[in-house]
Structures are given as structure tokens and as C-alpha cells.
Amino acid sequence: MAQPETAQLRRIGPLEVSAVGLGCNNFGMKLDQAQTTEVVSAAIDAGITYFDNADIYGAGQSEVFLGEALKGRRDQIVLATKFGHPTSLPEGTPGGSPDWIRKKIEESLTALQTDRIDHYQLHMPDTDTPIAETLGVLDELVREGKVLELGCSNFSAAQLQEAATASSDLGLARFVTCQNHYSLLTRNPETEGVLDACNDTNVGFVPFFPLESGLLTGKYTKGQELPENSRLKNWGKRAEAFIDDDRLDVVADLTAFAADHGHTILELAMSWLAHNPRVTTVIAGATTPEQISSNVGAIGWVLSSDDRAEVDRICAVL
């Protein structure tokens, strides 16, 4: 019997991960412990094996909720978390400094109720700490067995190259993934050379905000009020970076294109990413088991080169 698309495994270094991953930023924010456990169980049952968390999600509660939800199922998944986001740092503390990393790994291990982080990621570049120092302590954590593989997030092409050179020159564990904002509507990794740098340094790419915080699910329409309790409604001014009339026009055109091919815009957005050979796994958040099912089932459309060219043409106005 053929595996579901999400169970057709990709690799983060030697780790096998599902093509669709679960972003855990809703845990401890929108979801309580019982709801988190329900979503986690639905994700595992649907074949999702990659769970992406961070020490700042849910004001620190996301790791706690996930650790509780994974009791008895920890070894069924690849557990990822992040450290070093500026919003989590005491004033004057660099997020990539060895002392801070040592502190945060222990806190994450405790919160997640585990003896290892499978995929440990620097959440934001730390321009105050030489990358060799950051990689040095991360290499120690790998050697100690507390971390299996490393990743970075929000890195530029130049920062990826610098990190790869440091790892190679010093014989240190290296970043095997880069997690940046990338979607049909946000093409910075293409235009700013990040995807090319990933290719040059043999780094997998993990897109976040693949659905543009719901904009690419079809729930928002030009000329209509934002739905109550939607993420963009709750974000207030922050939502302006994701939604405006130009983007809604493009979403309408993408929706029509997908419908002409017998698909939804969700399927277009997820499949477009999942079948990019540089993309390792597509992480999308979920607040219900139904959203899990939708995300998992949304990557079956293998777009032709002509399809991709037409999608690029539609999006080029942004």
C-alpha cells in the first residue's frame, strides 16, 4: 500500500522527516494542554513526524505542552526546537553565546521531558557572537548527545556561507537546514540568494509561514472584514505585513488558477513548496485535527513546469 504523501520521508541530515511538519507556535497561545494533546495525537496518527517548536512559543509554554503531549510517543517523532530569538533574551545577552546556549538547552530538555533535541536551531542570527563560537558550543552538545542535528533560521546567504566555512575549517558540526519565511507570496529566499546558498552548502530549506498566516487558505477576501478570531484579525497592525489589496488580488488569481486545475489554493500553496527539491519539510501550524488533515492532504499536486511558470507570472506583480 502506498504511503500517504506526508509519510514519504525526506532528510534533515540523517534524520528522516515527513514532507509536512507541524509548527507548534499555537501551543500555549491558542491551545491549552488538552487541545495541544489532541492536535499532537492527530498529527502523529496522520503520519507527521517533524514537530517544530521554539523556546519563545506560547511564552515558553509550548515546549511544556508538547513534552506532556508526547508522553509515550516521543520516539515516534523528530523533535525540533529553537533558541536565541531576541524577544527571549535578557538585555545585553547575545542569543548565540555559549553560556546562553548551555542555559537554554537544559531548559528546553526539561520542558520537553526528553534527553535530546533531535534538531536544534538558532532562531535568529547573532551578529555580536562569532559564528565559530556558536558552532563550537553546539558541536559540544552534539558530541554530548544532547543534540543530534543543527539548523539556523532567518539567515542571509552570506551568513549561511560564513557558517558553512567555519564548520568546514574548524571541523565542527554544521547547520543542515535553514528555516526562513518562504511562500507563493514571499520570494525573498529566491531573490536574495538564500536558496542558492543552501544548494551551494548542502543545506536543506524549511519554509515557515507557508500559508502566509492563513492568507493562502482562502479565508480572506478583498472588500470583506477579517474574520473574527482569525490570526490576522488578532494581530492588528502586524497583519499589514501579510495582507493588503494587492496581495488579495493575487490570492484571487491563484485561487482561480487552482480551481481551473481541480485544486484549492491551500493545495497549490503547500504543493508548490513541497515539490521544490530544495525544500526539506513544510511546517504549518494547526489548531484542530481537521486542519492537520487538510495540511497533510494538500501536497499531492505535482505542478508541471508550465504550471509553475504561470504561478510565477501571477505572483510577479507583488
Protein backbone atom coordinates (compact mmCIF):
# COMPACT_ATOMS: atom_id res chain seq x y z
CA MET A 1 0.00 0.00 0.00
CA ALA A 2 1.34 3.42 -0.92
CA GLN A 3 2.28 5.72 1.93
CA PRO A 4 0.41 8.99 2.37
CA GLU A 5 2.31 11.90 0.86
CA THR A 6 3.33 13.25 4.25
CA ALA A 7 4.88 9.89 5.16
CA GLN A 8 7.15 9.91 2.11
CA LEU A 9 10.16 10.81 4.15
CA ARG A 10 12.80 13.43 3.46
CA ARG A 11 16.04 14.01 5.36
CA ILE A 12 17.44 16.54 7.77
CA GLY A 13 21.00 15.28 7.84
CA PRO A 14 20.48 11.59 8.66
CA LEU A 15 17.09 12.23 10.30
CA GLU A 16 14.03 11.13 8.35
CA VAL A 17 11.18 13.64 8.47
CA SER A 18 7.73 13.87 6.96
CA ALA A 19 7.14 16.14 3.98
CA VAL A 20 4.60 18.05 6.08
CA GLY A 21 5.70 19.12 9.55
CA LEU A 22 3.77 20.65 12.42
CA GLY A 23 4.57 24.16 13.64
CA CYS A 24 3.94 24.30 17.37
CA ASN A 25 3.52 28.05 17.85
CA ASN A 26 -0.18 27.68 18.75
CA PHE A 27 0.55 25.51 21.78
CA GLY A 28 0.24 27.55 24.95
CA MET A 29 -1.09 30.50 22.97
CA LYS A 30 -4.31 29.48 21.22
CA LEU A 31 -4.40 25.94 22.61
CA ASP A 32 -4.43 24.63 26.16
CA GLN A 33 -2.89 21.34 27.21
CA ALA A 34 -5.87 19.17 26.28
CA GLN A 35 -6.22 20.80 22.87
CA THR A 36 -2.47 20.53 22.28
CA THR A 37 -2.54 16.83 23.07
CA GLU A 38 -5.44 16.33 20.66
CA VAL A 39 -3.60 18.09 17.82
CA VAL A 40 -0.33 16.27 18.53
CA SER A 41 -2.09 12.90 18.51
CA ALA A 42 -3.87 13.74 15.25
CA ALA A 43 -0.57 14.79 13.67
CA ILE A 44 1.24 11.59 14.64
CA ASP A 45 -1.69 9.48 13.50
CA ALA A 46 -1.66 11.34 10.16
CA GLY A 47 1.99 10.50 9.57
CA ILE A 48 3.59 13.79 10.63
CA THR A 49 6.94 13.11 12.23
CA TYR A 50 8.53 16.58 12.32
CA PHE A 51 7.48 18.91 15.16
CA ASP A 52 8.96 22.41 15.12
CA ASN A 53 8.94 24.38 18.38
CA ALA A 54 10.84 27.28 19.98
CA ASP A 55 11.62 28.38 23.49
CA ILE A 56 9.57 31.56 22.99
CA TYR A 57 6.37 29.97 21.63
CA GLY A 58 3.39 30.34 23.93
CA ALA A 59 5.53 32.46 26.26
CA GLY A 60 7.51 29.32 27.00
CA GLN A 61 4.52 27.03 27.47
CA SER A 62 4.62 25.44 24.01
CA GLU A 63 7.59 23.24 24.89
CA VAL A 64 5.94 22.27 28.18
CA PHE A 65 2.63 21.37 26.49
CA LEU A 66 4.38 19.45 23.72
CA GLY A 67 6.51 17.49 26.16
CA GLU A 68 3.40 16.44 28.06
CA ALA A 69 1.54 15.55 24.86
CA LEU A 70 4.41 13.36 23.65
CA LYS A 71 4.49 11.08 26.70
CA GLY A 72 4.78 7.54 25.42
CA ARG A 73 5.26 8.72 21.81
CA ARG A 74 8.48 10.72 21.98
CA ASP A 75 10.48 8.32 19.85
CA GLN A 76 7.89 8.38 17.07
CA ILE A 77 8.83 11.92 16.05
CA VAL A 78 11.74 14.19 15.16
CA LEU A 79 11.68 16.89 17.81
CA ALA A 80 12.91 20.33 16.78
CA THR A 81 13.15 23.49 18.81
CA LYS A 82 14.86 26.87 18.53
CA PHE A 83 16.77 29.25 20.77
CA GLY A 84 18.21 32.74 20.59
CA HIS A 85 15.31 34.89 19.43
CA PRO A 86 15.84 38.49 20.57
CA THR A 87 12.48 38.61 22.35
CA SER A 88 13.68 35.87 24.71
CA LEU A 89 16.98 37.50 25.62
CA PRO A 90 17.82 39.48 28.74
CA GLU A 91 19.24 42.86 27.83
CA GLY A 92 22.86 42.57 26.75
CA THR A 93 22.77 38.79 26.27
CA PRO A 94 23.75 37.56 22.79
CA GLY A 95 21.49 34.74 21.62
CA GLY A 96 24.33 32.71 20.13
CA SER A 97 26.73 32.97 23.05
CA PRO A 98 27.99 29.70 24.56
CA ASP A 99 26.74 30.44 28.08
CA TRP A 100 23.24 31.29 26.84
CA ILE A 101 23.04 28.19 24.66
CA ARG A 102 24.11 26.00 27.58
CA LYS A 103 21.37 27.53 29.71
CA LYS A 104 18.66 27.23 27.06
CA ILE A 105 19.37 23.64 26.06
CA GLU A 106 18.88 22.49 29.64
CA GLU A 107 15.65 24.45 29.95
CA SER A 108 14.30 23.01 26.70
CA LEU A 109 15.26 19.46 27.63
CA THR A 110 13.42 19.85 30.93
CA ALA A 111 10.33 21.46 29.39
CA LEU A 112 10.11 18.85 26.64
CA GLN A 113 10.72 15.97 29.06
CA THR A 114 13.43 14.48 26.87
CA ASP A 115 17.13 13.67 26.94
CA ARG A 116 17.84 15.05 23.48
CA ILE A 117 16.76 17.63 20.93
CA ASP A 118 16.79 16.00 17.51
CA HIS A 119 17.06 19.28 15.60
CA TYR A 120 18.33 22.35 17.47
CA GLN A 121 18.13 25.68 15.64
CA LEU A 122 19.47 29.18 16.15
CA HIS A 123 16.28 31.24 15.81
CA MET A 124 17.88 34.49 14.66
CA PRO A 125 21.43 35.42 13.64
CA ASP A 126 23.58 36.77 16.46
CA THR A 127 25.82 39.44 14.95
CA ASP A 128 27.59 40.01 18.29
CA THR A 129 28.98 36.50 18.66
CA PRO A 130 31.37 35.00 16.09
CA ILE A 131 29.58 32.13 14.38
CA ALA A 132 32.55 29.88 15.19
CA GLU A 133 31.85 30.35 18.92
CA THR A 134 28.17 29.49 18.45
CA LEU A 135 29.00 26.43 16.37
CA GLY A 136 31.69 25.44 18.85
CA VAL A 137 29.29 25.02 21.76
CA LEU A 138 26.65 23.45 19.51
CA ASP A 139 29.29 20.94 18.38
CA GLU A 140 29.92 20.11 22.04
CA LEU A 141 26.20 19.49 22.57
CA VAL A 142 26.17 17.13 19.59
CA ARG A 143 29.17 15.24 20.97
CA GLU A 144 27.44 15.01 24.35
CA GLY A 145 24.33 13.52 22.72
CA LYS A 146 22.04 16.32 23.84
CA VAL A 147 21.53 17.45 20.23
CA LEU A 148 21.53 15.33 17.07
CA GLU A 149 21.44 17.86 14.21
CA LEU A 150 21.72 21.65 13.91
CA GLY A 151 19.82 24.30 11.99
CA CYS A 152 19.57 28.05 11.65
CA SER A 153 16.71 30.42 10.93
CA ASN A 154 16.38 33.83 9.31
CA PHE A 155 19.92 33.62 7.93
CA SER A 156 21.07 35.51 4.84
CA ALA A 157 23.01 33.88 2.02
CA ALA A 158 26.23 35.44 3.32
CA GLN A 159 25.59 34.17 6.87
CA LEU A 160 24.96 30.66 5.55
CA GLN A 161 28.22 30.72 3.65
CA GLU A 162 30.11 32.04 6.68
CA ALA A 163 28.69 29.30 8.91
CA ALA A 164 29.49 26.58 6.38
CA THR A 165 33.07 27.81 6.07
CA ALA A 166 33.53 27.91 9.85
CA SER A 167 32.21 24.36 10.26
CA SER A 168 34.46 23.06 7.48
CA ASP A 169 37.60 24.91 8.55
CA LEU A 170 37.26 24.04 12.25
CA GLY A 171 35.81 20.54 11.93
CA LEU A 172 32.61 21.48 13.74
CA ALA A 173 29.07 20.15 13.40
CA ARG A 174 27.28 22.16 10.75
CA PHE A 175 23.87 23.63 10.12
CA VAL A 176 21.98 21.10 7.99
CA THR A 177 18.91 23.30 7.47
CA CYS A 178 17.90 26.93 7.15
CA GLN A 179 14.38 27.94 8.16
CA ASN A 180 13.21 31.20 6.57
CA HIS A 181 9.94 32.82 5.51
CA TYR A 182 9.01 31.49 2.07
CA SER A 183 5.73 31.08 0.23
CA LEU A 184 3.99 31.78 -3.05
CA LEU A 185 3.76 35.41 -1.94
CA THR A 186 7.13 35.83 -0.23
CA ARG A 187 10.04 35.04 -2.54
CA ASN A 188 12.97 36.56 -0.63
CA PRO A 189 14.87 33.25 -0.43
CA GLU A 190 14.85 33.22 -4.24
CA THR A 191 15.64 36.88 -4.86
CA GLU A 192 18.23 37.28 -2.08
CA GLY A 193 20.22 34.15 -2.86
CA VAL A 194 19.34 32.06 0.18
CA LEU A 195 18.12 29.07 -1.83
CA ASP A 196 21.25 29.25 -3.97
CA ALA A 197 23.40 29.37 -0.84
CA CYS A 198 21.54 26.35 0.56
CA ASN A 199 22.30 24.49 -2.64
CA ASP A 200 25.97 25.52 -2.56
CA THR A 201 26.43 24.50 1.08
CA ASN A 202 24.25 21.35 1.00
CA VAL A 203 21.78 22.83 3.47
CA GLY A 204 18.12 21.84 3.39
CA PHE A 205 15.49 24.55 3.38
CA VAL A 206 12.49 24.65 5.75
CA PRO A 207 9.92 27.34 4.91
CA PHE A 208 7.91 28.98 7.67
CA PHE A 209 4.67 30.90 7.11
CA PRO A 210 3.96 28.71 4.04
CA LEU A 211 0.32 29.81 4.15
CA GLU A 212 1.07 33.46 4.96
CA SER A 213 -0.75 33.18 8.28
CA GLY A 214 -3.91 31.96 6.60
CA LEU A 215 -3.92 34.27 3.59
CA LEU A 216 -3.27 31.28 1.31
CA THR A 217 -6.11 29.19 2.72
CA GLY A 218 -8.89 31.20 1.08
CA LYS A 219 -10.38 32.55 4.30
CA TYR A 220 -9.69 36.21 3.44
CA THR A 221 -11.43 38.07 0.61
CA LYS A 222 -10.89 41.57 -0.74
CA GLY A 223 -13.53 44.04 0.44
CA GLN A 224 -14.61 41.90 3.40
CA GLU A 225 -13.80 42.34 7.07
CA LEU A 226 -11.20 39.98 8.50
CA PRO A 227 -12.94 37.02 10.17
CA GLU A 228 -13.32 37.29 13.92
CA ASN A 229 -10.69 35.38 15.91
CA SER A 230 -8.56 34.83 12.79
CA ARG A 231 -4.82 35.24 13.25
CA LEU A 232 -4.58 38.33 11.06
CA LYS A 233 -7.55 39.93 12.83
CA ASN A 234 -5.92 39.31 16.19
CA TRP A 235 -2.56 40.64 15.01
CA GLY A 236 -3.83 44.15 14.42
CA LYS A 237 -1.13 46.37 12.84
CA ARG A 238 1.24 43.42 12.45
CA ALA A 239 -1.16 41.94 9.88
CA GLU A 240 -0.36 44.77 7.46
CA ALA A 241 2.85 42.94 6.54
CA PHE A 242 0.78 39.99 5.31
CA ILE A 243 -2.43 41.34 3.83
CA ASP A 244 -3.32 44.26 1.56
CA ASP A 245 -5.42 44.75 -1.57
CA ASP A 246 -2.57 43.85 -3.95
CA ARG A 247 -1.95 40.57 -2.18
CA LEU A 248 -5.66 39.79 -2.05
CA ASP A 249 -5.87 40.36 -5.81
CA VAL A 250 -3.05 37.88 -6.35
CA VAL A 251 -4.69 35.38 -3.99
CA ALA A 252 -7.90 35.65 -6.01
CA ASP A 253 -5.98 34.93 -9.22
CA LEU A 254 -4.15 32.00 -7.61
CA THR A 255 -7.45 30.64 -6.31
CA ALA A 256 -8.91 30.75 -9.81
CA PHE A 257 -5.80 29.08 -11.26
CA ALA A 258 -6.00 26.27 -8.70
CA ALA A 259 -9.73 25.79 -9.30
CA ASP A 260 -9.15 25.53 -13.06
CA HIS A 261 -6.83 22.60 -12.29
CA GLY A 262 -9.22 20.93 -9.85
CA HIS A 263 -7.43 22.06 -6.69
CA THR A 264 -7.77 24.52 -3.82
CA ILE A 265 -5.43 27.38 -3.09
CA LEU A 266 -4.29 25.51 0.04
CA GLU A 267 -3.24 22.60 -2.17
CA LEU A 268 -1.46 24.99 -4.50
CA ALA A 269 0.43 26.74 -1.69
CA MET A 270 1.53 23.54 0.04
CA SER A 271 2.30 21.52 -3.09
CA TRP A 272 4.27 24.36 -4.69
CA LEU A 273 6.63 24.26 -1.71
CA ALA A 274 6.65 20.53 -1.02
CA HIS A 275 7.76 19.63 -4.53
CA ASN A 276 10.60 22.14 -4.61
CA PRO A 277 13.69 19.87 -4.48
CA ARG A 278 15.44 22.26 -2.09
CA VAL A 279 12.62 22.11 0.49
CA THR A 280 13.04 19.51 3.23
CA THR A 281 9.72 19.77 5.04
CA VAL A 282 6.86 22.28 5.02
CA ILE A 283 5.87 23.31 8.54
CA ALA A 284 2.35 24.57 9.05
CA GLY A 285 0.56 25.29 12.29
CA ALA A 286 -2.78 23.79 13.22
CA THR A 287 -5.34 24.34 15.95
CA THR A 288 -7.63 21.39 15.17
CA PRO A 289 -7.30 17.80 13.93
CA GLU A 290 -9.25 18.91 10.85
CA GLN A 291 -6.51 21.39 9.95
CA ILE A 292 -3.96 18.62 10.35
CA SER A 293 -5.85 16.52 7.83
CA SER A 294 -6.13 19.44 5.41
CA ASN A 295 -2.42 20.23 5.57
CA VAL A 296 -1.36 16.61 5.19
CA GLY A 297 -3.65 16.09 2.22
CA ALA A 298 -2.61 19.28 0.48
CA ILE A 299 0.72 18.27 -1.08
CA GLY A 300 -0.36 15.78 -3.71
CA TRP A 301 -0.38 18.18 -6.67
CA VAL A 302 2.81 17.88 -8.69
CA LEU A 303 2.85 21.08 -10.71
CA SER A 304 4.27 20.95 -14.22
CA SER A 305 6.94 23.41 -15.33
CA ASP A 306 4.23 25.27 -17.23
CA ASP A 307 2.09 25.40 -14.08
CA ARG A 308 4.97 26.83 -12.09
CA ALA A 309 5.69 29.40 -14.76
CA GLU A 310 2.06 30.55 -14.71
CA VAL A 311 2.08 30.77 -10.92
CA ASP A 312 5.25 32.88 -11.09
CA ARG A 313 3.58 35.14 -13.64
CA ILE A 314 0.56 35.65 -11.36
CA CYS A 315 2.76 36.44 -8.37
CA ALA A 316 5.20 38.70 -10.24
CA VAL A 317 3.09 41.83 -9.64
CA LEU A 318 3.95 41.83 -5.95
